[in-house]
Amino acid sequence: MVERGPLYTVKQPLRVRLTIKRSRFIASLAPANTEQEAREYIASIESEFPDATHHTYAYRLGFTNNGIERSSDAREPAGTAGPPMLQELNGARVTNVVVVATRYFGGIKLGIGGLNRAYRSCARACLEEARLVKIIELAYFKVILDYDDMGPAIRYIESCDGEILDIEYGEQVIINFSVPATVQQQVATGLGDVSRGRAQLS
């Protein structure tokens, strides 16, 4: 997935229930940072509702070209359940999230279009209830400085919304820190300026 603009995620699991033409849908949404976490969550829903007709799912993990997207129709007609939910996640620009739609068949067939709309509604209902949190992608650096440059460098890093992760003291000072990825080029230039070119950044 190629991203343009901000991404969002959710902090807490939530659940929404829908009834569509007598079929009961239980839509469950949760954060997941890894594929293992997503699959464990899916398995927990299947265990919680073992008598359900279907457990379809979609999840989206990571950022840019390194991201992972998976979906399953869980024996519903191909393309009618997992993919529509994944499209909703994409449209809302959320990642590191998994959604599971549990269906109890109510005796009325929904048809291809009806299934597509129903499962899309499951994901959309969860996203509407969720408190979305903007993801700030971080860049991590190590800078080697003279002691005289330590104070100005720390102040500059913090002025760029950076976080000091660790400081090592030796013949020189080594500062490990993170900054928002959007300002990483600016920080490299700025640290050179405040240290009069003496900073060694990696």
C-alpha atoms as a PDB file:
ATOM      1  CA  MET A   1       0.000   0.000   0.000  1.00  0.00           C
ATOM      2  CA  VAL A   2       1.325   3.406  -0.962  1.00  0.00           C
ATOM      3  CA  GLU A   3       0.217   6.132   1.428  1.00  0.00           C
ATOM      4  CA  ARG A   4      -0.317   9.816   0.770  1.00  0.00           C
ATOM      5  CA  GLY A   5      -1.140  11.840   3.870  1.00  0.00           C
ATOM      6  CA  PRO A   6      -1.773  10.904   7.524  1.00  0.00           C
ATOM      7  CA  LEU A   7      -2.646   7.460   8.814  1.00  0.00           C
ATOM      8  CA  TYR A   8      -4.820   6.557  11.791  1.00  0.00           C
ATOM      9  CA  THR A   9      -5.285   3.634  14.150  1.00  0.00           C
ATOM     10  CA  VAL A  10      -7.488   2.664  17.101  1.00  0.00           C
ATOM     11  CA  LYS A  11      -6.447   2.326  20.731  1.00  0.00           C
ATOM     12  CA  GLN A  12      -9.124   0.020  22.128  1.00  0.00           C
ATOM     13  CA  PRO A  13     -11.269  -2.899  20.913  1.00  0.00           C
ATOM     14  CA  LEU A  14     -14.934  -2.257  20.297  1.00  0.00           C
ATOM     15  CA  ARG A  15     -17.993  -4.141  19.087  1.00  0.00           C
ATOM     16  CA  VAL A  16     -21.082  -3.192  17.072  1.00  0.00           C
ATOM     17  CA  ARG A  17     -24.160  -5.352  16.409  1.00  0.00           C
ATOM     18  CA  LEU A  18     -26.325  -5.109  13.290  1.00  0.00           C
ATOM     19  CA  THR A  19     -29.363  -6.997  12.005  1.00  0.00           C
ATOM     20  CA  ILE A  20     -29.827  -7.108   8.236  1.00  0.00           C
ATOM     21  CA  LYS A  21     -32.761  -9.110   6.823  1.00  0.00           C
ATOM     22  CA  ARG A  22     -32.861 -11.291   9.933  1.00  0.00           C
ATOM     23  CA  SER A  23     -29.146 -12.132   9.743  1.00  0.00           C
ATOM     24  CA  ARG A  24     -27.330 -11.019  12.897  1.00  0.00           C
ATOM     25  CA  PHE A  25     -23.892  -9.468  12.478  1.00  0.00           C
ATOM     26  CA  ILE A  26     -21.415  -8.914  15.307  1.00  0.00           C
ATOM     27  CA  ALA A  27     -18.640  -6.612  14.122  1.00  0.00           C
ATOM     28  CA  SER A  28     -15.500  -6.551  16.277  1.00  0.00           C
ATOM     29  CA  LEU A  29     -12.612  -4.135  15.765  1.00  0.00           C
ATOM     30  CA  ALA A  30      -9.260  -4.101  17.578  1.00  0.00           C
ATOM     31  CA  PRO A  31      -5.733  -2.709  17.315  1.00  0.00           C
ATOM     32  CA  ALA A  32      -3.026  -5.092  16.086  1.00  0.00           C
ATOM     33  CA  ASN A  33       0.644  -4.286  15.586  1.00  0.00           C
ATOM     34  CA  THR A  34       1.675  -7.612  14.052  1.00  0.00           C
ATOM     35  CA  GLU A  35       0.137 -10.320  11.905  1.00  0.00           C
ATOM     36  CA  GLN A  36       0.309 -12.700  14.863  1.00  0.00           C
ATOM     37  CA  GLU A  37      -1.710 -10.299  17.001  1.00  0.00           C
ATOM     38  CA  ALA A  38      -4.306  -9.971  14.233  1.00  0.00           C
ATOM     39  CA  ARG A  39      -4.627 -13.733  13.835  1.00  0.00           C
ATOM     40  CA  GLU A  40      -4.847 -14.268  17.591  1.00  0.00           C
ATOM     41  CA  TYR A  41      -7.673 -11.748  17.765  1.00  0.00           C
ATOM     42  CA  ILE A  42      -9.528 -13.464  14.913  1.00  0.00           C
ATOM     43  CA  ALA A  43      -9.120 -16.813  16.699  1.00  0.00           C
ATOM     44  CA  SER A  44     -10.449 -15.318  19.936  1.00  0.00           C
ATOM     45  CA  ILE A  45     -13.622 -14.143  18.156  1.00  0.00           C
ATOM     46  CA  GLU A  46     -14.097 -17.572  16.574  1.00  0.00           C
ATOM     47  CA  SER A  47     -13.789 -19.151  20.033  1.00  0.00           C
ATOM     48  CA  GLU A  48     -16.198 -16.636  21.551  1.00  0.00           C
ATOM     49  CA  PHE A  49     -18.897 -17.357  18.941  1.00  0.00           C
ATOM     50  CA  PRO A  50     -18.263 -21.003  17.920  1.00  0.00           C
ATOM     51  CA  ASP A  51     -21.801 -21.526  16.598  1.00  0.00           C
ATOM     52  CA  ALA A  52     -21.747 -18.605  14.132  1.00  0.00           C
ATOM     53  CA  THR A  53     -22.292 -19.228  10.434  1.00  0.00           C
ATOM     54  CA  HIS A  54     -19.283 -17.171   9.289  1.00  0.00           C
ATOM     55  CA  HIS A  55     -16.328 -15.260  10.728  1.00  0.00           C
ATOM     56  CA  THR A  56     -15.059 -13.006   7.957  1.00  0.00           C
ATOM     57  CA  TYR A  57     -12.180 -10.622   8.567  1.00  0.00           C
ATOM     58  CA  ALA A  58      -9.825  -7.992   7.232  1.00  0.00           C
ATOM     59  CA  TYR A  59      -6.686  -6.467   8.668  1.00  0.00           C
ATOM     60  CA  ARG A  60      -4.203  -3.835   7.669  1.00  0.00           C
ATOM     61  CA  LEU A  61      -0.745  -3.469   9.217  1.00  0.00           C
ATOM     62  CA  GLY A  62       2.266  -1.229   8.789  1.00  0.00           C
ATOM     63  CA  PHE A  63       3.076   1.703   6.549  1.00  0.00           C
ATOM     64  CA  THR A  64       3.759   2.504   2.875  1.00  0.00           C
ATOM     65  CA  ASN A  65       5.136  -0.290   0.686  1.00  0.00           C
ATOM     66  CA  ASN A  66       5.992  -2.472   3.681  1.00  0.00           C
ATOM     67  CA  GLY A  67       2.382  -2.776   4.800  1.00  0.00           C
ATOM     68  CA  ILE A  68       0.381  -6.005   5.020  1.00  0.00           C
ATOM     69  CA  GLU A  69      -3.241  -6.338   3.939  1.00  0.00           C
ATOM     70  CA  ARG A  70      -5.236  -9.557   4.367  1.00  0.00           C
ATOM     71  CA  SER A  71      -8.901 -10.485   4.163  1.00  0.00           C
ATOM     72  CA  SER A  72     -11.063 -13.612   4.188  1.00  0.00           C
ATOM     73  CA  ASP A  73     -14.594 -14.316   2.972  1.00  0.00           C
ATOM     74  CA  ALA A  74     -14.834 -17.336   5.310  1.00  0.00           C
ATOM     75  CA  ARG A  75     -16.955 -19.386   2.884  1.00  0.00           C
ATOM     76  CA  GLU A  76     -19.160 -16.485   1.839  1.00  0.00           C
ATOM     77  CA  PRO A  77     -19.188 -15.990  -1.963  1.00  0.00           C
ATOM     78  CA  ALA A  78     -15.766 -14.792  -3.124  1.00  0.00           C
ATOM     79  CA  GLY A  79     -15.182 -11.089  -2.768  1.00  0.00           C
ATOM     80  CA  THR A  80     -18.393 -10.334  -0.842  1.00  0.00           C
ATOM     81  CA  ALA A  81     -17.106 -10.069   2.740  1.00  0.00           C
ATOM     82  CA  GLY A  82     -13.395  -9.619   3.490  1.00  0.00           C
ATOM     83  CA  PRO A  83     -12.490  -7.352   0.547  1.00  0.00           C
ATOM     84  CA  PRO A  84     -15.338  -4.866   1.163  1.00  0.00           C
ATOM     85  CA  MET A  85     -14.257  -4.559   4.805  1.00  0.00           C
ATOM     86  CA  LEU A  86     -10.640  -4.060   3.740  1.00  0.00           C
ATOM     87  CA  GLN A  87     -11.779  -1.325   1.356  1.00  0.00           C
ATOM     88  CA  GLU A  88     -13.437   0.447   4.281  1.00  0.00           C
ATOM     89  CA  LEU A  89     -10.202   0.295   6.287  1.00  0.00           C
ATOM     90  CA  ASN A  90      -8.310   1.699   3.318  1.00  0.00           C
ATOM     91  CA  GLY A  91     -10.856   4.437   2.753  1.00  0.00           C
ATOM     92  CA  ALA A  92     -10.627   5.541   6.384  1.00  0.00           C
ATOM     93  CA  ARG A  93      -6.809   5.450   6.176  1.00  0.00           C
ATOM     94  CA  VAL A  94      -6.533   3.216   9.257  1.00  0.00           C
ATOM     95  CA  THR A  95      -3.739   0.720   9.821  1.00  0.00           C
ATOM     96  CA  ASN A  96      -2.540  -1.640  12.562  1.00  0.00           C
ATOM     97  CA  VAL A  97      -6.152  -2.729  12.937  1.00  0.00           C
ATOM     98  CA  VAL A  98      -8.220  -5.902  12.485  1.00  0.00           C
ATOM     99  CA  VAL A  99     -11.978  -6.204  11.961  1.00  0.00           C
ATOM    100  CA  VAL A 100     -13.977  -9.438  12.265  1.00  0.00           C
ATOM    101  CA  ALA A 101     -17.599  -9.711  11.131  1.00  0.00           C
ATOM    102  CA  THR A 102     -19.398 -12.646  12.734  1.00  0.00           C
ATOM    103  CA  ARG A 103     -22.631 -13.646  10.987  1.00  0.00           C
ATOM    104  CA  TYR A 104     -25.565 -15.706  12.201  1.00  0.00           C
ATOM    105  CA  PHE A 105     -27.624 -16.570   9.118  1.00  0.00           C
ATOM    106  CA  GLY A 106     -31.265 -15.532   9.508  1.00  0.00           C
ATOM    107  CA  GLY A 107     -32.821 -17.599   6.755  1.00  0.00           C
ATOM    108  CA  ILE A 108     -32.962 -14.915   4.043  1.00  0.00           C
ATOM    109  CA  LYS A 109     -30.232 -14.894   1.394  1.00  0.00           C
ATOM    110  CA  LEU A 110     -28.779 -11.445   0.870  1.00  0.00           C
ATOM    111  CA  GLY A 111     -27.352 -11.964  -2.603  1.00  0.00           C
ATOM    112  CA  ILE A 112     -23.936 -10.817  -3.827  1.00  0.00           C
ATOM    113  CA  GLY A 113     -24.701  -7.102  -3.608  1.00  0.00           C
ATOM    114  CA  GLY A 114     -26.482  -7.457  -0.280  1.00  0.00           C
ATOM    115  CA  LEU A 115     -23.578  -9.340   1.269  1.00  0.00           C
ATOM    116  CA  ASN A 116     -21.123  -6.765  -0.006  1.00  0.00           C
ATOM    117  CA  ARG A 117     -23.166  -3.935   1.525  1.00  0.00           C
ATOM    118  CA  ALA A 118     -23.722  -5.810   4.782  1.00  0.00           C
ATOM    119  CA  TYR A 119     -20.054  -6.558   5.431  1.00  0.00           C
ATOM    120  CA  ARG A 120     -19.019  -3.086   4.337  1.00  0.00           C
ATOM    121  CA  SER A 121     -21.554  -1.753   6.854  1.00  0.00           C
ATOM    122  CA  CYS A 122     -19.954  -3.870   9.597  1.00  0.00           C
ATOM    123  CA  ALA A 123     -16.544  -2.276   9.095  1.00  0.00           C
ATOM    124  CA  ARG A 124     -18.024   1.204   8.625  1.00  0.00           C
ATOM    125  CA  ALA A 125     -20.107   0.944  11.804  1.00  0.00           C
ATOM    126  CA  CYS A 126     -17.011   0.009  13.812  1.00  0.00           C
ATOM    127  CA  LEU A 127     -14.975   2.863  12.364  1.00  0.00           C
ATOM    128  CA  GLU A 128     -17.758   5.332  13.110  1.00  0.00           C
ATOM    129  CA  GLU A 129     -17.781   4.209  16.752  1.00  0.00           C
ATOM    130  CA  ALA A 130     -13.996   4.067  17.116  1.00  0.00           C
ATOM    131  CA  ARG A 131     -11.833   6.875  18.424  1.00  0.00           C
ATOM    132  CA  LEU A 132      -9.274   7.190  15.650  1.00  0.00           C
ATOM    133  CA  VAL A 133      -5.780   8.306  16.636  1.00  0.00           C
ATOM    134  CA  LYS A 134      -3.360   9.860  14.173  1.00  0.00           C
ATOM    135  CA  ILE A 135      -0.149   7.870  13.721  1.00  0.00           C
ATOM    136  CA  ILE A 136       3.102   9.819  13.743  1.00  0.00           C
ATOM    137  CA  GLU A 137       5.849   7.821  12.038  1.00  0.00           C
ATOM    138  CA  LEU A 138       9.189   8.277  13.783  1.00  0.00           C
ATOM    139  CA  ALA A 139      12.775   8.382  12.527  1.00  0.00           C
ATOM    140  CA  TYR A 140      15.544   7.205  14.865  1.00  0.00           C
ATOM    141  CA  PHE A 141      19.059   8.675  15.037  1.00  0.00           C
ATOM    142  CA  LYS A 142      22.304   8.610  16.957  1.00  0.00           C
ATOM    143  CA  VAL A 143      24.431  11.757  17.154  1.00  0.00           C
ATOM    144  CA  ILE A 144      27.987  12.033  18.503  1.00  0.00           C
ATOM    145  CA  LEU A 145      28.831  15.438  19.956  1.00  0.00           C
ATOM    146  CA  ASP A 146      31.403  17.388  21.938  1.00  0.00           C
ATOM    147  CA  TYR A 147      30.245  18.167  25.463  1.00  0.00           C
ATOM    148  CA  ASP A 148      30.010  21.883  24.620  1.00  0.00           C
ATOM    149  CA  ASP A 149      27.400  21.067  21.962  1.00  0.00           C
ATOM    150  CA  MET A 150      25.262  18.772  24.125  1.00  0.00           C
ATOM    151  CA  GLY A 151      22.925  21.406  25.606  1.00  0.00           C
ATOM    152  CA  PRO A 152      22.172  23.219  22.340  1.00  0.00           C
ATOM    153  CA  ALA A 153      21.662  19.873  20.556  1.00  0.00           C
ATOM    154  CA  ILE A 154      19.172  18.581  23.158  1.00  0.00           C
ATOM    155  CA  ARG A 155      17.235  21.843  23.080  1.00  0.00           C
ATOM    156  CA  TYR A 156      17.126  21.729  19.293  1.00  0.00           C
ATOM    157  CA  ILE A 157      15.935  18.088  19.205  1.00  0.00           C
ATOM    158  CA  GLU A 158      13.179  18.848  21.718  1.00  0.00           C
ATOM    159  CA  SER A 159      12.131  21.939  19.729  1.00  0.00           C
ATOM    160  CA  CYS A 160      11.463  19.586  16.794  1.00  0.00           C
ATOM    161  CA  ASP A 161       9.130  17.419  18.934  1.00  0.00           C
ATOM    162  CA  GLY A 162      11.931  14.895  19.320  1.00  0.00           C
ATOM    163  CA  GLU A 163      12.432  12.523  22.241  1.00  0.00           C
ATOM    164  CA  ILE A 164      15.781  11.775  23.880  1.00  0.00           C
ATOM    165  CA  LEU A 165      15.932   7.988  24.252  1.00  0.00           C
ATOM    166  CA  ASP A 166      19.388   7.530  25.783  1.00  0.00           C
ATOM    167  CA  ILE A 167      22.618   9.459  26.462  1.00  0.00           C
ATOM    168  CA  GLU A 168      26.036   7.795  26.635  1.00  0.00           C
ATOM    169  CA  TYR A 169      28.931   9.631  28.237  1.00  0.00           C
ATOM    170  CA  GLY A 170      32.514   9.005  27.172  1.00  0.00           C
ATOM    171  CA  GLU A 171      35.194  11.055  25.449  1.00  0.00           C
ATOM    172  CA  GLN A 172      32.243  12.500  23.559  1.00  0.00           C
ATOM    173  CA  VAL A 173      28.497  12.435  24.151  1.00  0.00           C
ATOM    174  CA  ILE A 174      26.300  10.004  22.203  1.00  0.00           C
ATOM    175  CA  ILE A 175      22.609  10.879  22.091  1.00  0.00           C
ATOM    176  CA  ASN A 176      20.053   8.404  20.790  1.00  0.00           C
ATOM    177  CA  PHE A 177      16.800  10.120  19.865  1.00  0.00           C
ATOM    178  CA  SER A 178      13.686  10.010  17.725  1.00  0.00           C
ATOM    179  CA  VAL A 179      11.876  12.725  15.767  1.00  0.00           C
ATOM    180  CA  PRO A 180       8.783  12.758  13.551  1.00  0.00           C
ATOM    181  CA  ALA A 181       9.813  11.387  10.161  1.00  0.00           C
ATOM    182  CA  THR A 182       8.497  14.529   8.489  1.00  0.00           C
ATOM    183  CA  VAL A 183      11.299  16.642  10.009  1.00  0.00           C
ATOM    184  CA  GLN A 184      14.244  14.250   9.783  1.00  0.00           C
ATOM    185  CA  GLN A 185      16.028  16.215   7.032  1.00  0.00           C
ATOM    186  CA  GLN A 186      15.510  19.455   8.939  1.00  0.00           C
ATOM    187  CA  VAL A 187      16.977  17.908  12.106  1.00  0.00           C
ATOM    188  CA  ALA A 188      20.095  16.689  10.316  1.00  0.00           C
ATOM    189  CA  THR A 189      20.772  20.210   9.044  1.00  0.00           C
ATOM    190  CA  GLY A 190      19.875  21.860  12.357  1.00  0.00           C
ATOM    191  CA  LEU A 191      22.198  19.697  14.432  1.00  0.00           C
ATOM    192  CA  GLY A 192      25.016  20.566  12.069  1.00  0.00           C
ATOM    193  CA  ASP A 193      24.271  24.246  12.582  1.00  0.00           C
ATOM    194  CA  VAL A 194      24.080  24.182  16.402  1.00  0.00           C
ATOM    195  CA  SER A 195      27.319  22.153  16.623  1.00  0.00           C
ATOM    196  CA  ARG A 196      29.129  24.271  13.997  1.00  0.00           C
ATOM    197  CA  GLY A 197      29.487  21.190  11.836  1.00  0.00           C
ATOM    198  CA  ARG A 198      30.977  18.961  14.552  1.00  0.00           C
ATOM    199  CA  ALA A 199      27.972  16.663  15.024  1.00  0.00           C
ATOM    200  CA  GLN A 200      28.286  13.143  13.624  1.00  0.00           C
ATOM    201  CA  LEU A 201      24.789  11.916  12.812  1.00  0.00           C
ATOM    202  CA  SER A 202      23.827   8.360  11.929  1.00  0.00           C
END
